[in-house]
C-alpha atoms as a PDB file:
ATOM      1  CA  UNK A   1     -23.665 145.784 220.930  1.00  0.00           C
ATOM      2  CA  UNK A   2     -22.367 142.161 220.528  1.00  0.00           C
ATOM      3  CA  UNK A   3     -25.665 141.037 219.505  1.00  0.00           C
ATOM      4  CA  UNK A   4     -26.162 143.231 216.707  1.00  0.00           C
ATOM      5  CA  UNK A   5     -22.492 142.499 215.438  1.00  0.00           C
ATOM      6  CA  UNK A   6     -23.400 138.837 215.493  1.00  0.00           C
ATOM      7  CA  UNK A   7     -26.896 139.963 213.460  1.00  0.00           C
ATOM      8  CA  UNK A   8     -24.706 141.652 211.347  1.00  0.00           C
ATOM      9  CA  UNK A   9     -21.928 139.334 210.263  1.00  0.00           C
ATOM     10  CA  UNK A  10     -24.678 136.264 210.246  1.00  0.00           C
ATOM     11  CA  UNK A  11     -26.247 138.579 207.807  1.00  0.00           C
ATOM     12  CA  UNK A  12     -23.249 138.954 205.765  1.00  0.00           C
ATOM     13  CA  UNK A  13     -22.588 135.490 205.682  1.00  0.00           C
ATOM     14  CA  UNK A  14     -26.003 134.701 204.343  1.00  0.00           C
ATOM     15  CA  UNK A  15     -25.353 137.429 201.331  1.00  0.00           C
ATOM     16  CA  UNK A  16     -22.134 136.147 200.699  1.00  0.00           C
ATOM     17  CA  UNK A  17     -23.277 132.757 200.544  1.00  0.00           C
ATOM     18  CA  UNK A  18     -26.555 134.574 197.978  1.00  0.00           C
ATOM     19  CA  UNK A  19     -23.798 135.981 196.275  1.00  0.00           C
ATOM     20  CA  UNK A  20     -21.860 132.882 195.702  1.00  0.00           C
ATOM     21  CA  UNK A  21     -24.319 130.650 194.224  1.00  0.00           C
ATOM     22  CA  UNK A  22     -25.590 133.318 191.940  1.00  0.00           C
ATOM     23  CA  UNK A  23     -22.090 133.447 190.587  1.00  0.00           C
ATOM     24  CA  UNK A  24     -21.954 129.780 189.954  1.00  0.00           C
ATOM     25  CA  UNK A  25     -23.667 127.308 187.328  1.00  0.00           C
ATOM     26  CA  UNK A  26     -23.389 123.776 186.384  1.00  0.00           C
ATOM     27  CA  UNK A  27     -24.334 121.949 183.094  1.00  0.00           C
ATOM     28  CA  UNK A  28     -24.863 118.514 183.076  1.00  0.00           C
ATOM     29  CA  UNK A  29     -23.948 116.624 180.604  1.00  0.00           C
ATOM     30  CA  UNK A  30     -27.411 115.856 179.432  1.00  0.00           C
ATOM     31  CA  UNK A  31     -28.184 119.553 179.252  1.00  0.00           C
ATOM     32  CA  UNK A  32     -27.206 122.957 176.876  1.00  0.00           C
ATOM     33  CA  UNK A  33     -27.318 126.207 178.100  1.00  0.00           C
ATOM     34  CA  UNK A  34     -27.711 129.677 177.249  1.00  0.00           C
ATOM     35  CA  UNK A  35     -26.368 132.604 179.271  1.00  0.00           C
ATOM     36  CA  UNK A  36     -28.147 136.127 179.028  1.00  0.00           C
ATOM     37  CA  UNK A  37     -26.999 138.986 180.579  1.00  0.00           C
ATOM     38  CA  UNK A  38     -29.745 141.871 181.198  1.00  0.00           C
ATOM     39  CA  UNK A  39     -32.027 139.574 178.643  1.00  0.00           C
ATOM     40  CA  UNK A  40     -29.702 139.916 175.892  1.00  0.00           C
ATOM     41  CA  UNK A  41     -27.967 136.335 174.815  1.00  0.00           C
ATOM     42  CA  UNK A  42     -24.852 136.462 175.746  1.00  0.00           C
ATOM     43  CA  UNK A  43     -23.294 133.007 174.940  1.00  0.00           C
ATOM     44  CA  UNK A  44     -24.431 129.353 174.510  1.00  0.00           C
ATOM     45  CA  UNK A  45     -22.765 126.038 174.637  1.00  0.00           C
ATOM     46  CA  UNK A  46     -21.094 125.692 177.227  1.00  0.00           C
ATOM     47  CA  UNK A  47     -19.302 122.111 178.348  1.00  0.00           C
ATOM     48  CA  UNK A  48     -20.548 119.823 180.742  1.00  0.00           C
ATOM     49  CA  UNK A  49     -19.045 121.006 184.501  1.00  0.00           C
ATOM     50  CA  UNK A  50     -18.800 123.959 186.566  1.00  0.00           C
ATOM     51  CA  UNK A  51     -19.015 127.776 185.196  1.00  0.00           C
ATOM     52  CA  UNK A  52     -19.681 130.914 186.626  1.00  0.00           C
ATOM     53  CA  UNK A  53     -21.308 134.580 185.770  1.00  0.00           C
ATOM     54  CA  UNK A  54     -22.047 138.019 187.279  1.00  0.00           C
ATOM     55  CA  UNK A  55     -24.716 137.480 190.040  1.00  0.00           C
ATOM     56  CA  UNK A  56     -28.121 139.544 189.359  1.00  0.00           C
ATOM     57  CA  UNK A  57     -26.993 140.403 186.020  1.00  0.00           C
ATOM     58  CA  UNK A  58     -26.381 136.798 184.078  1.00  0.00           C
ATOM     59  CA  UNK A  59     -28.564 134.613 183.811  1.00  0.00           C
ATOM     60  CA  UNK A  60     -28.830 130.919 182.497  1.00  0.00           C
ATOM     61  CA  UNK A  61     -31.352 129.038 180.619  1.00  0.00           C
ATOM     62  CA  UNK A  62     -30.989 125.072 180.084  1.00  0.00           C
ATOM     63  CA  UNK A  63     -32.526 122.692 177.419  1.00  0.00           C
ATOM     64  CA  UNK A  64     -32.481 118.993 177.512  1.00  0.00           C
ATOM     65  CA  UNK A  65     -29.725 117.866 175.344  1.00  0.00           C
ATOM     66  CA  UNK A  66     -30.808 114.690 175.139  1.00  0.00           C
ATOM     67  CA  UNK A  67     -32.406 112.615 172.272  1.00  0.00           C
ATOM     68  CA  UNK A  68     -35.866 113.060 172.115  1.00  0.00           C
ATOM     69  CA  UNK A  69     -38.741 111.523 170.272  1.00  0.00           C
ATOM     70  CA  UNK A  70     -41.638 112.433 168.390  1.00  0.00           C
ATOM     71  CA  UNK A  71     -44.380 110.440 168.419  1.00  0.00           C
ATOM     72  CA  UNK A  72     -46.732 111.675 165.585  1.00  0.00           C
ATOM     73  CA  UNK A  73     -50.209 110.908 164.759  1.00  0.00           C
ATOM     74  CA  UNK A  74     -51.341 109.208 162.231  1.00  0.00           C
ATOM     75  CA  UNK A  75     -51.581 111.403 159.532  1.00  0.00           C
ATOM     76  CA  UNK A  76     -53.074 110.939 155.369  1.00  0.00           C
ATOM     77  CA  UNK A  77     -51.049 110.945 152.671  1.00  0.00           C
ATOM     78  CA  UNK A  78     -51.842 110.641 148.685  1.00  0.00           C
ATOM     79  CA  UNK A  79     -49.702 108.399 146.914  1.00  0.00           C
ATOM     80  CA  UNK A  80     -48.991 109.079 142.906  1.00  0.00           C
ATOM     81  CA  UNK A  81     -51.714 106.788 141.953  1.00  0.00           C
ATOM     82  CA  UNK A  82     -53.920 109.265 144.138  1.00  0.00           C
ATOM     83  CA  UNK A  83     -54.631 106.676 146.793  1.00  0.00           C
ATOM     84  CA  UNK A  84     -55.060 107.601 150.177  1.00  0.00           C
ATOM     85  CA  UNK A  85     -52.961 105.646 152.729  1.00  0.00           C
ATOM     86  CA  UNK A  86     -52.599 106.446 156.784  1.00  0.00           C
ATOM     87  CA  UNK A  87     -48.902 106.593 157.776  1.00  0.00           C
ATOM     88  CA  UNK A  88     -48.070 106.321 161.498  1.00  0.00           C
ATOM     89  CA  UNK A  89     -44.186 107.607 162.040  1.00  0.00           C
ATOM     90  CA  UNK A  90     -42.236 108.646 164.584  1.00  0.00           C
ATOM     91  CA  UNK A  91     -38.408 111.082 164.404  1.00  0.00           C
ATOM     92  CA  UNK A  92     -36.157 111.258 166.838  1.00  0.00           C
ATOM     93  CA  UNK A  93     -34.033 114.003 167.177  1.00  0.00           C
ATOM     94  CA  UNK A  94     -31.540 116.150 169.978  1.00  0.00           C
ATOM     95  CA  UNK A  95     -30.715 120.035 170.291  1.00  0.00           C
ATOM     96  CA  UNK A  96     -27.441 120.978 167.975  1.00  0.00           C
ATOM     97  CA  UNK A  97     -26.985 124.484 168.285  1.00  0.00           C
ATOM     98  CA  UNK A  98     -28.934 125.995 171.978  1.00  0.00           C
ATOM     99  CA  UNK A  99     -28.425 129.475 170.428  1.00  0.00           C
ATOM    100  CA  UNK A 100     -29.971 128.845 167.530  1.00  0.00           C
ATOM    101  CA  UNK A 101     -32.660 126.308 169.145  1.00  0.00           C
ATOM    102  CA  UNK A 102     -33.826 129.845 171.498  1.00  0.00           C
ATOM    103  CA  UNK A 103     -34.077 132.287 168.947  1.00  0.00           C
ATOM    104  CA  UNK A 104     -36.060 129.981 166.798  1.00  0.00           C
ATOM    105  CA  UNK A 105     -38.499 128.314 169.091  1.00  0.00           C
ATOM    106  CA  UNK A 106     -37.912 130.369 172.214  1.00  0.00           C
ATOM    107  CA  UNK A 107     -36.848 127.099 174.224  1.00  0.00           C
ATOM    108  CA  UNK A 108     -39.924 125.790 173.960  1.00  0.00           C
ATOM    109  CA  UNK A 109     -40.048 121.947 173.261  1.00  0.00           C
ATOM    110  CA  UNK A 110     -43.848 121.853 172.288  1.00  0.00           C
ATOM    111  CA  UNK A 111     -42.773 124.538 169.752  1.00  0.00           C
ATOM    112  CA  UNK A 112     -39.738 122.849 168.362  1.00  0.00           C
ATOM    113  CA  UNK A 113     -41.757 119.416 168.130  1.00  0.00           C
ATOM    114  CA  UNK A 114     -44.530 121.486 166.500  1.00  0.00           C
ATOM    115  CA  UNK A 115     -42.544 122.709 163.949  1.00  0.00           C
ATOM    116  CA  UNK A 116     -40.484 119.589 163.209  1.00  0.00           C
ATOM    117  CA  UNK A 117     -43.596 117.873 162.456  1.00  0.00           C
ATOM    118  CA  UNK A 118     -44.856 120.124 160.010  1.00  0.00           C
ATOM    119  CA  UNK A 119     -41.009 120.080 158.060  1.00  0.00           C
ATOM    120  CA  UNK A 120     -41.370 116.189 158.491  1.00  0.00           C
ATOM    121  CA  UNK A 121     -45.214 115.780 157.485  1.00  0.00           C
ATOM    122  CA  UNK A 122     -44.446 117.768 154.001  1.00  0.00           C
ATOM    123  CA  UNK A 123     -41.464 115.716 153.694  1.00  0.00           C
ATOM    124  CA  UNK A 124     -43.444 112.515 153.951  1.00  0.00           C
ATOM    125  CA  UNK A 125     -46.221 113.994 151.407  1.00  0.00           C
ATOM    126  CA  UNK A 126     -43.199 114.751 149.103  1.00  0.00           C
ATOM    127  CA  UNK A 127     -42.296 111.265 149.213  1.00  0.00           C
ATOM    128  CA  UNK A 128     -44.963 109.323 149.255  1.00  0.00           C
ATOM    129  CA  UNK A 129     -47.064 111.478 146.090  1.00  0.00           C
ATOM    130  CA  UNK A 130     -43.849 110.573 144.044  1.00  0.00           C
ATOM    131  CA  UNK A 131     -44.373 106.803 144.338  1.00  0.00           C
ATOM    132  CA  UNK A 132     -47.190 103.922 144.188  1.00  0.00           C
ATOM    133  CA  UNK A 133     -48.267 101.936 147.226  1.00  0.00           C
ATOM    134  CA  UNK A 134     -46.560  98.936 146.429  1.00  0.00           C
ATOM    135  CA  UNK A 135     -43.423 100.636 146.147  1.00  0.00           C
ATOM    136  CA  UNK A 136     -44.208 102.698 149.650  1.00  0.00           C
ATOM    137  CA  UNK A 137     -44.764  99.716 151.086  1.00  0.00           C
ATOM    138  CA  UNK A 138     -42.915  96.868 150.357  1.00  0.00           C
ATOM    139  CA  UNK A 139     -39.429  97.954 148.053  1.00  0.00           C
ATOM    140  CA  UNK A 140     -38.517 101.765 148.458  1.00  0.00           C
ATOM    141  CA  UNK A 141     -39.034 102.388 152.428  1.00  0.00           C
ATOM    142  CA  UNK A 142     -35.444 102.556 152.894  1.00  0.00           C
ATOM    143  CA  UNK A 143     -35.041 104.836 150.214  1.00  0.00           C
ATOM    144  CA  UNK A 144     -37.787 106.905 151.336  1.00  0.00           C
ATOM    145  CA  UNK A 145     -36.362 107.693 154.791  1.00  0.00           C
ATOM    146  CA  UNK A 146     -32.770 108.324 153.781  1.00  0.00           C
ATOM    147  CA  UNK A 147     -34.295 111.196 151.248  1.00  0.00           C
ATOM    148  CA  UNK A 148     -36.365 112.465 153.823  1.00  0.00           C
ATOM    149  CA  UNK A 149     -33.618 112.679 156.397  1.00  0.00           C
ATOM    150  CA  UNK A 150     -31.227 114.386 153.265  1.00  0.00           C
ATOM    151  CA  UNK A 151     -33.720 116.652 152.438  1.00  0.00           C
ATOM    152  CA  UNK A 152     -35.355 117.837 155.728  1.00  0.00           C
ATOM    153  CA  UNK A 153     -31.426 117.903 157.729  1.00  0.00           C
ATOM    154  CA  UNK A 154     -31.075 121.842 156.457  1.00  0.00           C
ATOM    155  CA  UNK A 155     -34.629 122.710 157.336  1.00  0.00           C
ATOM    156  CA  UNK A 156     -34.439 121.546 161.082  1.00  0.00           C
ATOM    157  CA  UNK A 157     -31.203 123.655 161.298  1.00  0.00           C
ATOM    158  CA  UNK A 158     -32.691 126.776 161.234  1.00  0.00           C
ATOM    159  CA  UNK A 159     -34.529 125.524 164.431  1.00  0.00           C
ATOM    160  CA  UNK A 160     -30.837 124.267 165.534  1.00  0.00           C
ATOM    161  CA  UNK A 161     -31.598 120.916 166.175  1.00  0.00           C
ATOM    162  CA  UNK A 162     -30.368 117.795 164.054  1.00  0.00           C
ATOM    163  CA  UNK A 163     -32.579 114.568 163.025  1.00  0.00           C
ATOM    164  CA  UNK A 164     -31.047 111.411 164.903  1.00  0.00           C
ATOM    165  CA  UNK A 165     -33.609 109.072 163.233  1.00  0.00           C
ATOM    166  CA  UNK A 166     -37.620 108.523 161.130  1.00  0.00           C
ATOM    167  CA  UNK A 167     -39.130 105.925 161.289  1.00  0.00           C
ATOM    168  CA  UNK A 168     -42.158 104.705 159.751  1.00  0.00           C
ATOM    169  CA  UNK A 169     -44.207 102.311 162.229  1.00  0.00           C
ATOM    170  CA  UNK A 170     -47.263 101.443 159.610  1.00  0.00           C
ATOM    171  CA  UNK A 171     -48.405 101.853 156.671  1.00  0.00           C
ATOM    172  CA  UNK A 172     -52.141 101.294 156.669  1.00  0.00           C
ATOM    173  CA  UNK A 173     -55.116 101.334 153.929  1.00  0.00           C
ATOM    174  CA  UNK A 174     -58.034 103.093 154.629  1.00  0.00           C
ATOM    175  CA  UNK A 175     -60.788 100.733 156.336  1.00  0.00           C
ATOM    176  CA  UNK A 176     -63.359 102.090 153.672  1.00  0.00           C
ATOM    177  CA  UNK A 177     -61.019 102.126 150.665  1.00  0.00           C
ATOM    178  CA  UNK A 178     -61.842  99.074 147.837  1.00  0.00           C
ATOM    179  CA  UNK A 179     -58.327  99.628 147.022  1.00  0.00           C
ATOM    180  CA  UNK A 180     -56.963  97.399 149.448  1.00  0.00           C
ATOM    181  CA  UNK A 181     -58.295  94.725 148.254  1.00  0.00           C
ATOM    182  CA  UNK A 182     -56.579  95.098 144.376  1.00  0.00           C
ATOM    183  CA  UNK A 183     -53.369  96.143 146.289  1.00  0.00           C
ATOM    184  CA  UNK A 184     -52.916  93.295 148.226  1.00  0.00           C
ATOM    185  CA  UNK A 185     -53.682  91.059 145.371  1.00  0.00           C
ATOM    186  CA  UNK A 186     -50.906  92.730 143.537  1.00  0.00           C
ATOM    187  CA  UNK A 187     -48.597  91.781 146.279  1.00  0.00           C
ATOM    188  CA  UNK A 188     -49.295  88.636 146.928  1.00  0.00           C
ATOM    189  CA  UNK A 189     -48.780  87.927 142.947  1.00  0.00           C
ATOM    190  CA  UNK A 190     -45.415  90.264 143.090  1.00  0.00           C
ATOM    191  CA  UNK A 191     -44.331  87.575 145.894  1.00  0.00           C
ATOM    192  CA  UNK A 192     -45.322  84.446 143.743  1.00  0.00           C
ATOM    193  CA  UNK A 193     -43.471  85.967 141.053  1.00  0.00           C
ATOM    194  CA  UNK A 194     -40.522  86.286 143.259  1.00  0.00           C
ATOM    195  CA  UNK A 195     -40.852  82.740 144.545  1.00  0.00           C
ATOM    196  CA  UNK A 196     -41.048  81.311 141.257  1.00  0.00           C
ATOM    197  CA  UNK A 197     -38.045  82.727 140.126  1.00  0.00           C
ATOM    198  CA  UNK A 198     -36.343  81.619 142.828  1.00  0.00           C
ATOM    199  CA  UNK A 199     -37.802  78.070 142.542  1.00  0.00           C
ATOM    200  CA  UNK A 200     -36.673  78.404 138.817  1.00  0.00           C
ATOM    201  CA  UNK A 201     -32.966  79.613 139.717  1.00  0.00           C
ATOM    202  CA  UNK A 202     -32.801  76.576 141.831  1.00  0.00           C
ATOM    203  CA  UNK A 203     -33.768  73.987 139.498  1.00  0.00           C
ATOM    204  CA  UNK A 204     -31.639  75.297 136.959  1.00  0.00           C
ATOM    205  CA  UNK A 205     -28.568  74.878 139.687  1.00  0.00           C
ATOM    206  CA  UNK A 206     -29.975  71.768 140.342  1.00  0.00           C
ATOM    207  CA  UNK A 207     -29.468  70.414 137.183  1.00  0.00           C
ATOM    208  CA  UNK A 208     -26.380  71.617 136.432  1.00  0.00           C
ATOM    209  CA  UNK A 209     -25.126  70.006 139.465  1.00  0.00           C
ATOM    210  CA  UNK A 210     -26.560  66.768 138.545  1.00  0.00           C
ATOM    211  CA  UNK A 211     -24.969  66.990 135.454  1.00  0.00           C
ATOM    212  CA  UNK A 212     -21.436  67.749 136.604  1.00  0.00           C
ATOM    213  CA  UNK A 213     -21.644  65.000 139.148  1.00  0.00           C
ATOM    214  CA  UNK A 214     -23.010  62.622 135.957  1.00  0.00           C
ATOM    215  CA  UNK A 215     -19.971  63.947 134.022  1.00  0.00           C
ATOM    216  CA  UNK A 216     -17.315  63.136 136.993  1.00  0.00           C
ATOM    217  CA  UNK A 217     -18.956  59.952 137.770  1.00  0.00           C
ATOM    218  CA  UNK A 218     -18.610  58.872 133.775  1.00  0.00           C
ATOM    219  CA  UNK A 219     -14.778  60.482 133.858  1.00  0.00           C
ATOM    220  CA  UNK A 220     -14.011  58.705 136.850  1.00  0.00           C
ATOM    221  CA  UNK A 221     -15.144  54.940 135.678  1.00  0.00           C
ATOM    222  CA  UNK A 222     -13.459  55.520 132.455  1.00  0.00           C
ATOM    223  CA  UNK A 223     -10.118  56.119 134.337  1.00  0.00           C
ATOM    224  CA  UNK A 224     -10.574  53.494 136.692  1.00  0.00           C
ATOM    225  CA  UNK A 225     -11.766  50.800 133.409  1.00  0.00           C
ATOM    226  CA  UNK A 226      -8.327  52.061 131.649  1.00  0.00           C
ATOM    227  CA  UNK A 227      -6.292  51.764 134.788  1.00  0.00           C
ATOM    228  CA  UNK A 228      -7.775  48.348 135.274  1.00  0.00           C
ATOM    229  CA  UNK A 229      -7.566  46.992 131.739  1.00  0.00           C
ATOM    230  CA  UNK A 230      -3.867  48.290 131.950  1.00  0.00           C
ATOM    231  CA  UNK A 231      -3.161  46.868 135.137  1.00  0.00           C
ATOM    232  CA  UNK A 232      -4.931  43.500 133.451  1.00  0.00           C
ATOM    233  CA  UNK A 233      -2.428  43.676 130.476  1.00  0.00           C
ATOM    234  CA  UNK A 234       0.749  44.398 132.936  1.00  0.00           C
ATOM    235  CA  UNK A 235      -0.416  41.095 134.533  1.00  0.00           C
ATOM    236  CA  UNK A 236      -1.099  39.083 131.520  1.00  0.00           C
ATOM    237  CA  UNK A 237       2.782  39.743 130.046  1.00  0.00           C
ATOM    238  CA  UNK A 238       3.617  38.984 133.473  1.00  0.00           C
ATOM    239  CA  UNK A 239       2.433  35.516 133.805  1.00  0.00           C
ATOM    240  CA  UNK A 240       3.295  34.901 130.024  1.00  0.00           C
ATOM    241  CA  UNK A 241       6.946  35.644 130.801  1.00  0.00           C
ATOM    242  CA  UNK A 242       6.633  33.238 133.883  1.00  0.00           C
ATOM    243  CA  UNK A 243       5.318  30.862 131.703  1.00  0.00           C
ATOM    244  CA  UNK A 244       7.753  31.112 128.870  1.00  0.00           C
ATOM    245  CA  UNK A 245      10.521  30.932 131.993  1.00  0.00           C
ATOM    246  CA  UNK A 246       9.142  27.882 132.995  1.00  0.00           C
ATOM    247  CA  UNK A 247       8.397  26.201 130.025  1.00  0.00           C
ATOM    248  CA  UNK A 248      12.350  27.179 128.934  1.00  0.00           C
ATOM    249  CA  UNK A 249      13.728  25.648 132.102  1.00  0.00           C
ATOM    250  CA  UNK A 250      12.096  22.110 131.796  1.00  0.00           C
ATOM    251  CA  UNK A 251       9.606  21.778 129.420  1.00  0.00           C
ATOM    252  CA  UNK A 252       8.365  18.279 129.925  1.00  0.00           C
ATOM    253  CA  UNK A 253       7.471  19.243 133.392  1.00  0.00           C
ATOM    254  CA  UNK A 254       6.053  22.525 132.198  1.00  0.00           C
ATOM    255  CA  UNK A 255       3.878  19.709 129.745  1.00  0.00           C
ATOM    256  CA  UNK A 256       2.821  17.921 132.597  1.00  0.00           C
ATOM    257  CA  UNK A 257       1.621  20.622 135.053  1.00  0.00           C
ATOM    258  CA  UNK A 258      -0.366  22.029 132.389  1.00  0.00           C
ATOM    259  CA  UNK A 259      -1.978  18.681 131.650  1.00  0.00           C
ATOM    260  CA  UNK A 260      -2.840  18.308 135.508  1.00  0.00           C
ATOM    261  CA  UNK A 261      -4.575  21.867 135.241  1.00  0.00           C
ATOM    262  CA  UNK A 262      -6.270  20.713 132.464  1.00  0.00           C
ATOM    263  CA  UNK A 263      -7.609  17.476 134.143  1.00  0.00           C
ATOM    264  CA  UNK A 264      -8.772  19.908 137.365  1.00  0.00           C
ATOM    265  CA  UNK A 265     -10.956  21.769 134.873  1.00  0.00           C
ATOM    266  CA  UNK A 266     -12.138  19.361 133.266  1.00  0.00           C
ATOM    267  CA  UNK A 267     -13.208  16.960 135.831  1.00  0.00           C
ATOM    268  CA  UNK A 268     -14.366  19.577 138.507  1.00  0.00           C
ATOM    269  CA  UNK A 269     -18.031  19.332 138.245  1.00  0.00           C
ATOM    270  CA  UNK A 270     -19.986  16.715 139.303  1.00  0.00           C
ATOM    271  CA  UNK A 271     -21.975  16.448 136.574  1.00  0.00           C
ATOM    272  CA  UNK A 272     -19.946  16.515 134.263  1.00  0.00           C
ATOM    273  CA  UNK A 273     -19.370  13.920 131.441  1.00  0.00           C
ATOM    274  CA  UNK A 274     -16.987  13.455 128.849  1.00  0.00           C
ATOM    275  CA  UNK A 275     -16.337  10.802 125.907  1.00  0.00           C
ATOM    276  CA  UNK A 276     -12.910  10.263 124.773  1.00  0.00           C
ATOM    277  CA  UNK A 277     -10.913   7.409 123.708  1.00  0.00           C
ATOM    278  CA  UNK A 278      -7.711   6.662 126.363  1.00  0.00           C
ATOM    279  CA  UNK A 279      -5.134   6.577 123.535  1.00  0.00           C
ATOM    280  CA  UNK A 280      -5.961  10.227 123.205  1.00  0.00           C
ATOM    281  CA  UNK A 281      -3.758  13.188 123.044  1.00  0.00           C
ATOM    282  CA  UNK A 282      -5.398  14.098 126.150  1.00  0.00           C
ATOM    283  CA  UNK A 283      -4.552  11.147 128.936  1.00  0.00           C
ATOM    284  CA  UNK A 284      -1.291  11.244 127.326  1.00  0.00           C
ATOM    285  CA  UNK A 285      -0.167  11.957 130.922  1.00  0.00           C
ATOM    286  CA  UNK A 286      -1.690   9.199 132.755  1.00  0.00           C
ATOM    287  CA  UNK A 287       0.375   6.268 130.409  1.00  0.00           C
ATOM    288  CA  UNK A 288       3.616   5.266 131.615  1.00  0.00           C
ATOM    289  CA  UNK A 289       6.724   6.197 129.857  1.00  0.00           C
ATOM    290  CA  UNK A 290       4.713   8.654 127.906  1.00  0.00           C
END
């Protein structure tokens, strides 16, 4: 009797644990979840954490909520010039609405990726079809990606997903396409034209800088010459004033001092020769009592 009771209690505990385990579920922050009741959708988009449900009646289906990558195979697109280009691209996407995602794809990631690939392919086909090869390869690639993301955003909402980013990895011309040489030649010519334009602008700026530097140099020299002449004039005036005062104080000494200066200047050189009469005015300072 005791053994039967122990088996009953053990079975009751196991049943209770089984019921409890089927009454709770955990949603990871990297997941999206949908709650079903008897195969019918009840609710979705649970917050990360612990949640409860009715055991055996309700069930939970979880999807990957992380950013996923669709690395598409190389596709051929026609440009506005009716030339083929081989485009290799990838798409970053994630589940935004778990309920809509389940209704549209059955929760199958492969189905979602296939439909997303078709949407992006149509968008790229339209973008390349309205541009030349040169525009698609060089100047307008970012504009193409922005326009594609905008046009595809509404379409992928029907799948319950959102596009995070679309990037073109490479754009190549077919190996057997004779347009390759002409396209590359046009690209080289365009780059050469841009380089020549930059060089011309640089030469123009250099001429402006040189002209400005020459003008400033001439102005600086002219100002310096003006200031020098002004200082020289002020010095001459001051010297004349000093000479006048000295002459007025002692005219005879001033005359004698000027004569000494004249002698020094006249006889300063070793080979200087002068022929003068001793009785002349120039030698009057050598005469006693004169």
